[in-house]
Protein backbone atom coordinates (compact mmCIF):
# COMPACT_ATOMS: atom_id res chain seq x y z
CA MET A 1 -37.84 2.62 62.67
CA ARG A 2 -38.71 6.23 63.58
CA ASP A 3 -36.51 6.11 66.67
CA LEU A 4 -33.57 4.67 64.70
CA VAL A 5 -33.83 7.39 62.07
CA ARG A 6 -33.95 10.10 64.73
CA ALA A 7 -30.97 8.62 66.54
CA LEU A 8 -28.98 8.75 63.31
CA ALA A 9 -30.04 12.37 62.76
CA CYS A 10 -28.71 13.20 66.25
CA GLY A 11 -25.26 11.82 65.51
CA TYR A 12 -25.55 8.25 66.75
CA THR A 13 -23.81 5.62 64.67
CA ILE A 14 -24.72 2.00 64.07
CA ALA A 15 -22.54 -0.80 65.35
CA HIS A 16 -24.65 -3.57 63.82
CA VAL A 17 -28.24 -4.45 62.97
CA PHE A 18 -30.38 -7.52 63.56
CA TYR A 19 -32.96 -7.97 60.81
CA CYS A 20 -35.82 -10.44 60.55
CA PRO A 21 -37.25 -10.67 57.02
CA GLU A 22 -40.22 -12.70 58.33
CA LEU A 23 -41.42 -9.71 60.34
CA ASP A 24 -40.72 -7.07 57.72
CA THR A 25 -43.63 -5.11 56.31
CA ASP A 26 -42.37 -1.92 54.71
CA ASN A 27 -39.08 -1.07 56.44
CA ASP A 28 -36.30 0.11 54.17
CA ILE A 29 -33.08 -1.50 55.34
CA SER A 30 -31.07 0.47 52.81
CA THR A 31 -30.79 3.05 55.60
CA PHE A 32 -28.31 0.66 57.19
CA GLU A 33 -26.36 -0.30 54.07
CA HIS A 34 -23.02 0.67 55.64
CA ALA A 35 -23.66 -1.36 58.80
CA THR A 36 -23.15 -5.04 59.47
CA ILE A 37 -26.58 -6.69 59.16
CA TYR A 38 -27.36 -10.04 60.75
CA GLU A 39 -30.44 -11.79 59.43
CA VAL A 40 -32.16 -13.71 62.21
CA PRO A 41 -35.34 -15.82 62.41
CA ARG A 42 -38.49 -14.75 64.21
CA ASP A 43 -37.75 -16.67 67.45
CA ILE A 44 -34.33 -15.06 67.83
CA MET A 45 -35.77 -11.60 67.21
CA ALA A 46 -38.41 -12.27 69.87
CA LYS A 47 -35.61 -12.91 72.38
CA ILE A 48 -33.66 -9.82 71.33
CA SER A 49 -36.64 -7.49 71.34
CA TYR A 50 -38.02 -5.80 74.45
CA ARG A 51 -41.60 -5.86 73.22
CA SER A 52 -43.88 -8.88 72.96
CA THR A 53 -44.56 -7.97 69.32
CA PRO A 54 -41.07 -7.36 67.93
CA SER A 55 -40.33 -5.24 64.91
CA SER A 56 -38.19 -6.51 62.08
CA ILE A 57 -35.16 -4.37 63.00
CA VAL A 58 -33.08 -3.98 66.15
CA ALA A 59 -29.96 -1.82 65.99
CA VAL A 60 -27.03 -1.58 68.38
CA MET A 61 -25.71 1.98 68.32
CA HIS A 62 -22.83 4.13 69.57
CA HIS A 63 -23.76 7.43 71.17
CA PRO A 64 -21.93 10.64 70.16
CA GLN A 65 -18.74 11.50 72.03
CA ASN A 66 -18.99 15.28 71.70
CA GLN A 67 -21.40 16.22 74.50
CA PRO A 68 -20.50 19.64 75.93
CA ALA A 69 -19.35 19.72 79.54
CA LEU A 70 -22.17 20.63 81.89
CA SER A 71 -20.10 23.52 83.26
CA ASP A 72 -20.14 25.08 79.78
CA ILE A 73 -23.92 25.03 79.45
CA GLY A 74 -25.76 28.33 79.80
CA ALA A 75 -29.25 27.53 78.57
CA SER A 76 -31.93 29.97 79.70
CA ARG A 77 -34.23 27.14 80.81
CA VAL A 78 -33.27 23.82 82.38
CA LEU A 79 -35.40 20.86 83.42
CA GLY A 80 -34.32 18.86 86.47
CA LEU A 81 -35.93 15.49 87.21
CA VAL A 82 -35.17 14.32 90.73
CA ASN A 83 -35.17 10.55 91.25
CA LEU A 84 -38.11 9.82 88.93
CA GLN A 85 -38.89 6.12 88.91
CA LYS A 86 -41.11 5.57 85.87
CA PRO A 87 -39.36 5.48 82.49
CA GLY A 88 -42.52 6.49 80.62
CA ASN A 89 -42.76 9.72 82.61
CA ILE A 90 -39.12 10.57 81.95
CA GLY A 91 -39.53 9.94 78.24
CA ALA A 92 -42.68 12.06 78.05
CA LEU A 93 -40.94 14.90 79.86
CA LEU A 94 -37.95 14.75 77.51
CA ARG A 95 -40.34 15.03 74.58
CA THR A 96 -42.10 18.04 76.13
CA ALA A 97 -38.81 19.69 77.09
CA ASP A 98 -37.72 19.62 73.46
CA ALA A 99 -41.06 20.96 72.27
CA THR A 100 -41.01 23.88 74.72
CA GLY A 101 -37.39 24.95 74.34
CA PHE A 102 -35.80 23.48 77.46
CA LYS A 103 -32.33 22.87 76.04
CA THR A 104 -30.72 21.12 79.01
CA ILE A 105 -32.11 18.27 81.11
CA LEU A 106 -30.61 16.98 84.35
CA LEU A 107 -31.47 13.52 85.63
CA ILE A 108 -30.75 14.04 89.31
CA ASP A 109 -30.05 11.10 91.63
CA THR A 110 -31.63 8.71 89.17
CA SER A 111 -31.09 4.96 89.11
CA LEU A 112 -32.71 4.43 85.72
CA ASP A 113 -30.83 3.74 82.49
CA LEU A 114 -31.29 6.65 80.08
CA TYR A 115 -31.72 4.13 77.26
CA ASN A 116 -34.48 2.16 78.93
CA PRO A 117 -36.78 1.08 76.06
CA ASN A 118 -39.76 2.86 77.62
CA ILE A 119 -37.81 6.11 77.86
CA ILE A 120 -36.79 5.83 74.21
CA ARG A 121 -40.30 5.06 73.01
CA SER A 122 -42.16 7.69 75.05
CA SER A 123 -39.59 10.39 74.25
CA THR A 124 -40.22 9.89 70.49
CA GLY A 125 -36.49 10.36 69.91
CA ALA A 126 -35.84 13.33 72.22
CA VAL A 127 -33.64 11.05 74.33
CA PHE A 128 -31.07 11.19 71.50
CA LEU A 129 -30.59 14.98 71.57
CA ASN A 130 -27.31 14.76 73.52
CA ASN A 131 -28.47 17.38 76.04
CA ILE A 132 -29.20 15.08 79.00
CA TYR A 133 -26.86 14.85 81.99
CA THR A 134 -26.96 12.38 84.88
CA VAL A 135 -25.82 14.15 88.06
CA SER A 136 -26.09 14.07 91.83
CA SER A 137 -28.08 16.63 93.81
CA GLN A 138 -24.88 18.35 94.89
CA GLN A 139 -23.64 18.61 91.30
CA ALA A 140 -26.98 19.97 90.14
CA LEU A 141 -27.12 22.55 92.92
CA ALA A 142 -23.59 23.73 92.19
CA PHE A 143 -24.49 24.09 88.50
CA PHE A 144 -27.61 26.13 89.31
CA HIS A 145 -25.69 28.46 91.62
CA GLU A 146 -22.75 28.85 89.24
CA HIS A 147 -25.05 29.91 86.40
CA ASP A 148 -27.45 31.95 88.52
CA TYR A 149 -30.62 29.97 87.86
CA SER A 150 -33.84 30.62 89.69
CA ILE A 151 -34.86 27.19 91.01
CA VAL A 152 -38.58 26.74 90.34
CA ALA A 153 -39.89 23.67 92.14
CA GLY A 154 -43.19 22.06 91.19
CA ILE A 155 -44.91 21.36 94.53
CA VAL A 156 -48.56 20.42 95.07
CA ASP A 157 -48.95 22.73 98.08
CA GLY A 158 -46.62 25.42 96.78
CA ASP A 159 -47.26 29.06 97.61
CA THR A 160 -46.82 30.62 94.15
CA PRO A 161 -49.51 29.99 91.51
CA LEU A 162 -47.98 29.14 88.14
CA PRO A 163 -49.19 32.30 86.31
CA GLU A 164 -47.27 34.42 88.84
CA VAL A 165 -43.88 32.80 88.17
CA ASP A 166 -41.45 34.99 86.21
CA PHE A 167 -39.83 32.84 83.54
CA GLU A 168 -38.15 35.82 81.89
CA ARG A 169 -35.12 35.14 84.08
CA LYS A 170 -32.97 32.02 83.81
CA SER A 171 -34.96 29.21 85.36
CA ALA A 172 -34.43 25.61 86.39
CA VAL A 173 -37.71 23.73 86.72
CA LEU A 174 -37.51 20.84 89.19
CA LEU A 175 -39.91 17.93 89.44
CA GLY A 176 -39.82 15.20 92.07
CA THR A 177 -40.84 11.58 92.37
CA GLU A 178 -44.24 10.37 91.25
CA ASP A 179 -45.43 9.45 94.75
CA VAL A 180 -44.06 12.03 97.20
CA GLY A 181 -42.66 14.81 95.00
CA LEU A 182 -39.47 16.70 95.80
CA ASP A 183 -37.48 15.72 98.87
CA ASP A 184 -36.67 18.04 101.77
CA PHE A 185 -33.22 18.88 100.38
CA TRP A 186 -34.62 20.41 97.20
CA GLN A 187 -37.60 22.04 98.86
CA ALA A 188 -35.13 23.91 101.06
CA GLN A 189 -33.01 24.97 98.06
CA CYS A 190 -35.74 26.20 95.72
CA ASP A 191 -36.38 29.89 95.07
CA VAL A 192 -39.99 29.45 93.95
CA ARG A 193 -42.48 26.83 95.14
CA VAL A 194 -44.88 26.76 92.23
CA THR A 195 -48.32 25.20 92.31
CA ILE A 196 -50.70 24.62 89.41
CA PRO A 197 -54.22 25.90 90.18
CA MET A 198 -56.87 23.17 90.01
CA VAL A 199 -60.66 23.16 90.40
CA GLY A 200 -61.43 19.43 90.60
CA GLU A 201 -63.59 17.92 93.34
CA ILE A 202 -61.48 14.79 93.81
CA SER A 203 -58.16 15.16 91.97
CA ASP A 204 -55.53 16.94 94.06
CA SER A 205 -52.57 16.65 91.69
CA PHE A 206 -51.47 15.99 88.12
CA ASN A 207 -49.30 13.17 86.87
CA VAL A 208 -45.69 14.41 86.98
CA SER A 209 -45.37 14.40 83.19
CA VAL A 210 -48.56 16.48 82.91
CA SER A 211 -47.39 18.90 85.61
CA GLY A 212 -44.07 19.29 83.82
CA ALA A 213 -45.79 19.91 80.51
CA ILE A 214 -48.02 22.63 81.98
CA ILE A 215 -45.11 24.39 83.70
CA MET A 216 -42.80 24.19 80.68
CA TYR A 217 -45.48 25.46 78.32
CA GLU A 218 -46.14 28.43 80.61
CA ALA A 219 -42.41 29.20 80.44
CA LEU A 220 -42.58 29.03 76.65
CA ARG A 221 -45.69 31.24 76.56
CA GLN A 222 -44.03 33.93 78.66
CA THR A 223 -40.79 34.01 76.71
CA ARG A 224 -42.02 33.37 73.16
CA TRP A 225 -45.23 35.37 72.84
């Protein structure tokens, strides 16, 4: 229900709703009074739902049609996710990007559906902010150059410790795949190869969503306080 409410707040509209009274606990379906509501039994809802324990409400929605053109975006901080494969990581990073003031997100060379249920759930609604663009590497690079972004790449063996990165200038933070990180193309294009200092005896890297959170919060710390 939380995700549906947040989608509505972000300008999404409801096409129709499937509702199972048998599964209802305390959901208020009056929120959807202007939508077509189909009451369905528990077994049908189980087939519709992605989860093994379905909720009482599933809504089919239309996304807003007023997304600004990427060429018109001039946000001071951008997050670029290059070919990430795990929906939960993407969702978590969208959530953190919103919390730390990254106003534009590029999904670069991705094969995942933005509305994958795991992305929606782990983003806690940030996926509905209408600030996410699916682009190729060439499109992303052209955008960064056109708007004069410093490309800050998160790399395990990078040569610039995170506290030394200057986020006062326009920055695009790039994160690569969960297993091998950024590919050779982006490593050659980046302006800063940032690494997060670690002191562990065994661990040699963070999960990509954790790395992204640390880097984005450092950007917020430098520019907010």
